[in-house]
Protein backbone atom coordinates (compact mmCIF):
# COMPACT_ATOMS: atom_id res chain seq x y z
CA MET A 1 -109.00 -98.83 9.66
CA ASN A 2 -109.24 -101.94 11.86
CA ILE A 3 -106.41 -104.35 12.71
CA LYS A 4 -107.69 -107.05 10.36
CA THR A 5 -107.74 -104.70 7.37
CA LEU A 6 -104.37 -103.23 8.29
CA GLY A 7 -102.95 -106.73 8.66
CA SER A 8 -104.13 -107.71 5.19
CA ILE A 9 -102.53 -104.65 3.63
CA VAL A 10 -99.24 -105.11 5.45
CA ALA A 11 -99.13 -108.85 4.75
CA ALA A 12 -99.75 -108.23 1.06
CA GLY A 13 -96.97 -105.65 0.96
CA VAL A 14 -94.54 -107.95 2.73
CA TRP A 15 -95.31 -110.76 0.33
CA LEU A 16 -94.77 -108.56 -2.70
CA THR A 17 -91.44 -107.19 -1.48
CA LEU A 18 -90.00 -110.26 0.26
CA GLY A 19 -91.79 -113.26 -1.15
CA ALA A 20 -91.21 -112.14 -4.71
CA SER A 21 -87.48 -111.65 -4.17
CA ALA A 22 -87.21 -115.10 -2.61
CA ALA A 23 -88.99 -116.57 -5.61
CA GLN A 24 -86.56 -114.97 -8.07
CA ALA A 25 -83.77 -117.37 -7.21
CA ALA A 26 -83.46 -120.55 -5.22
CA GLY A 27 -81.14 -120.82 -2.27
CA ASP A 28 -78.62 -123.65 -2.13
CA ALA A 29 -78.74 -125.24 1.33
CA GLU A 30 -75.34 -126.91 0.96
CA GLU A 31 -73.71 -123.62 0.00
CA GLY A 32 -75.61 -122.03 2.86
CA ARG A 33 -74.12 -124.56 5.27
CA LYS A 34 -70.63 -123.39 4.26
CA LYS A 35 -71.56 -119.71 4.49
CA PHE A 36 -73.21 -120.18 7.89
CA TYR A 37 -69.81 -120.51 9.58
CA THR A 38 -69.78 -116.80 10.48
CA CYS A 39 -73.18 -117.23 12.15
CA GLY A 40 -72.32 -120.43 13.99
CA GLY A 41 -70.24 -118.71 16.65
CA CYS A 42 -73.48 -117.47 18.23
CA HIS A 43 -76.41 -119.35 16.70
CA ALA A 44 -74.87 -122.84 16.97
CA ILE A 45 -74.36 -122.70 20.74
CA GLU A 46 -77.35 -123.79 22.79
CA GLY A 47 -78.26 -121.18 25.39
CA TYR A 48 -75.58 -118.72 24.28
CA SER A 49 -76.27 -115.16 25.46
CA ASN A 50 -75.67 -111.80 23.87
CA ALA A 51 -73.13 -109.94 26.01
CA PHE A 52 -74.87 -106.56 26.29
CA PRO A 53 -77.71 -106.14 26.67
CA ASN A 54 -77.98 -109.66 28.01
CA TYR A 55 -80.50 -111.96 26.34
CA PRO A 56 -80.39 -115.39 24.66
CA VAL A 57 -79.18 -115.49 21.08
CA PRO A 58 -82.34 -116.61 19.25
CA ARG A 59 -82.86 -120.07 17.88
CA ILE A 60 -83.12 -119.85 14.10
CA GLY A 61 -83.06 -123.48 12.96
CA GLY A 62 -86.36 -124.19 11.23
CA GLN A 63 -87.28 -120.57 10.68
CA HIS A 64 -88.98 -119.73 7.37
CA ALA A 65 -86.44 -118.81 4.70
CA GLU A 66 -88.43 -115.67 3.86
CA VAL A 67 -88.24 -114.51 7.47
CA VAL A 68 -84.48 -115.13 7.62
CA ILE A 69 -83.95 -113.14 4.43
CA ALA A 70 -86.17 -110.29 5.64
CA SER A 71 -84.31 -110.11 8.95
CA LEU A 72 -80.88 -110.06 7.32
CA LYS A 73 -82.00 -107.38 4.86
CA ALA A 74 -83.30 -105.30 7.76
CA TYR A 75 -79.85 -105.47 9.36
CA GLN A 76 -78.25 -104.55 6.03
CA ALA A 77 -80.51 -101.51 5.75
CA GLY A 78 -80.04 -100.43 9.37
CA ALA A 79 -83.71 -100.99 10.12
CA ARG A 80 -82.67 -103.44 12.84
CA ILE A 81 -79.76 -102.55 15.08
CA HIS A 82 -77.19 -105.00 16.39
CA GLY A 83 -73.45 -104.48 15.95
CA SER A 84 -72.29 -107.94 14.93
CA MET A 85 -75.46 -108.76 12.98
CA GLU A 86 -75.19 -105.55 10.96
CA GLY A 87 -71.53 -106.24 10.25
CA ASN A 88 -72.15 -109.82 9.16
CA ALA A 89 -75.26 -109.06 7.11
CA LYS A 90 -73.69 -106.21 5.17
CA THR A 91 -70.99 -108.50 3.79
CA GLN A 92 -73.54 -110.90 2.29
CA SER A 93 -74.72 -110.82 -1.33
CA GLU A 94 -78.30 -111.52 -2.39
CA GLN A 95 -77.32 -115.10 -3.24
CA ASP A 96 -75.57 -115.49 0.12
CA LEU A 97 -78.81 -114.54 1.88
CA LEU A 98 -80.79 -117.04 -0.17
CA ASP A 99 -78.29 -119.81 0.51
CA ILE A 100 -78.04 -119.16 4.25
CA ALA A 101 -81.83 -118.96 4.53
CA ALA A 102 -82.23 -122.25 2.64
CA TYR A 103 -79.83 -123.94 5.05
CA VAL A 104 -81.36 -122.48 8.19
CA SER A 105 -84.95 -123.26 7.18
CA ARG A 106 -84.39 -126.99 6.68
CA PHE A 107 -84.03 -127.72 10.40
CA ARG A 108 -87.03 -128.99 12.37
CA SER A 109 -86.77 -131.00 15.53
CA ILE A 110 -88.03 -131.62 19.04
CA ASN A 111 -86.87 -129.27 21.76
CA VAL A 112 -86.24 -130.70 25.21
CA ASN A 113 -84.61 -127.86 27.13
CA ASN A 114 -87.18 -125.07 26.99
CA HIS A 115 -87.19 -123.69 30.51
CA VAL A 116 -89.97 -121.13 31.02
CA SER A 117 -91.00 -119.10 34.04
CA GLY A 118 -94.31 -117.62 32.86
CA ASN A 119 -97.77 -119.20 33.10
CA VAL A 120 -98.11 -121.40 30.02
CA SER A 121 -101.85 -122.05 30.42
CA ALA A 122 -102.61 -118.35 30.79
CA GLY A 123 -100.26 -117.59 27.91
CA LYS A 124 -102.15 -119.91 25.57
CA GLY A 125 -105.33 -117.91 26.05
CA LYS A 126 -103.55 -114.57 25.79
CA ALA A 127 -101.82 -115.68 22.58
CA ALA A 128 -105.12 -116.47 20.82
CA PRO A 129 -105.12 -113.15 18.87
CA CYS A 130 -101.62 -114.02 17.59
CA ALA A 131 -102.72 -117.32 16.01
CA GLY A 132 -103.94 -115.70 12.79
CA CYS A 133 -100.36 -114.86 11.82
CA HIS A 134 -98.18 -117.15 13.93
CA GLY A 135 -100.32 -120.30 14.12
CA GLU A 136 -102.11 -121.74 17.13
CA ASP A 137 -98.91 -123.27 18.52
CA GLY A 138 -96.46 -120.75 17.08
CA ASN A 139 -95.65 -122.78 13.97
CA SER A 140 -96.89 -120.34 11.35
CA VAL A 141 -97.96 -121.69 7.97
CA ASP A 142 -97.46 -118.35 6.22
CA PRO A 143 -93.74 -118.21 5.30
CA ASN A 144 -93.69 -114.44 5.82
CA ASN A 145 -94.62 -114.70 9.50
CA PRO A 146 -91.96 -116.04 11.85
CA ARG A 147 -92.25 -119.31 13.70
CA LEU A 148 -92.25 -118.67 17.46
CA ALA A 149 -92.62 -122.20 18.80
CA GLY A 150 -89.55 -123.35 20.69
CA GLN A 151 -87.96 -119.89 20.80
CA TYR A 152 -86.31 -118.86 24.06
CA GLU A 153 -88.83 -117.33 26.45
CA ALA A 154 -86.43 -114.53 27.42
CA TYR A 155 -85.81 -113.61 23.78
CA LEU A 156 -89.55 -113.43 23.04
CA ILE A 157 -90.02 -111.21 26.09
CA LYS A 158 -87.30 -108.89 24.79
CA VAL A 159 -88.85 -108.68 21.33
CA LEU A 160 -92.40 -108.05 22.59
CA LYS A 161 -91.16 -105.28 24.86
CA GLU A 162 -89.36 -103.70 21.90
CA TYR A 163 -92.56 -103.75 19.86
CA LYS A 164 -94.51 -102.31 22.80
CA LYS A 165 -92.00 -99.46 23.14
CA GLY A 166 -91.84 -98.89 19.39
CA VAL A 167 -88.15 -99.79 19.21
CA ARG A 168 -89.04 -102.39 16.61
CA LYS A 169 -91.32 -101.08 13.88
CA ASN A 170 -94.22 -103.15 12.61
CA PRO A 171 -97.71 -101.62 12.57
CA ILE A 172 -99.47 -104.85 13.51
CA MET A 173 -97.04 -105.90 16.24
CA ASN A 174 -96.82 -102.38 17.65
CA SER A 175 -100.61 -102.21 17.89
CA MET A 176 -101.03 -105.73 19.27
CA SER A 177 -98.37 -105.32 21.96
CA GLU A 178 -99.22 -101.83 23.23
CA SER A 179 -101.97 -103.11 25.54
CA LEU A 180 -99.97 -106.06 26.91
CA SER A 181 -98.93 -105.95 30.56
CA GLU A 182 -95.57 -107.21 31.79
CA GLN A 183 -97.29 -110.41 32.92
CA ASP A 184 -99.09 -110.82 29.59
CA ILE A 185 -95.76 -110.62 27.77
CA LYS A 186 -94.19 -113.13 30.12
CA ASP A 187 -97.08 -115.60 29.82
CA ILE A 188 -97.34 -115.38 26.02
CA SER A 189 -93.58 -115.89 25.74
CA ALA A 190 -93.80 -118.87 28.08
CA PHE A 191 -96.52 -120.44 25.94
CA TYR A 192 -94.53 -120.20 22.71
CA GLY A 193 -91.28 -121.11 24.42
CA SER A 194 -92.82 -124.26 25.90
CA GLN A 195 -93.81 -125.76 22.55
CA LYS A 196 -91.90 -128.96 21.85
CA LYS A 197 -92.10 -128.88 18.06
CA GLY A 198 -90.47 -125.78 16.67
CA LEU A 199 -87.25 -123.85 16.37
CA VAL A 200 -83.91 -125.37 17.29
CA THR A 201 -80.28 -124.43 17.74
CA ILE A 202 -78.33 -125.33 14.62
CA SER A 203 -75.56 -127.76 15.50
CA ASP A 204 -75.19 -129.60 12.20
């Protein structure tokens, strides 16, 4: 089975399990703003870093609601591991997730402080195979695939290394990242991190 076929199967499965649940009820962005207060201590501070291991707390403003819900459900289920995220996610109801995701997804802005250290030009070419899911500039159209544009370079490096090592499980991402060198990962992350239109820190 080739990557394209595998991708179609996985994408269809994700849509059925996540997209359908999101469609069952609408999130209330104003209620989500109130419920976001437990998230704001980390995600509302520009450049804030996770204590250990050390990496930037990801920007989530402007992320697709479906991706936010899927991520929080993964923490609830223990499929993604992070102490404070697991603790916060497990206290949220289905409606809480919908509301928080509706609030988070409404943010779109221009980033001005995206420092990168990788080679952006090289990263653009190396990221070409990623465009089918994540968009040419990292602003994916498919709501089930995360936006990468404007994300912190260091966070993207961390995530790609986790997929390469199999720490994070996703058949497409695991396969796509296994052949990437350290420099490839750095350059691709620099390309997405350098995009001016994309994710932001929520400071509403």
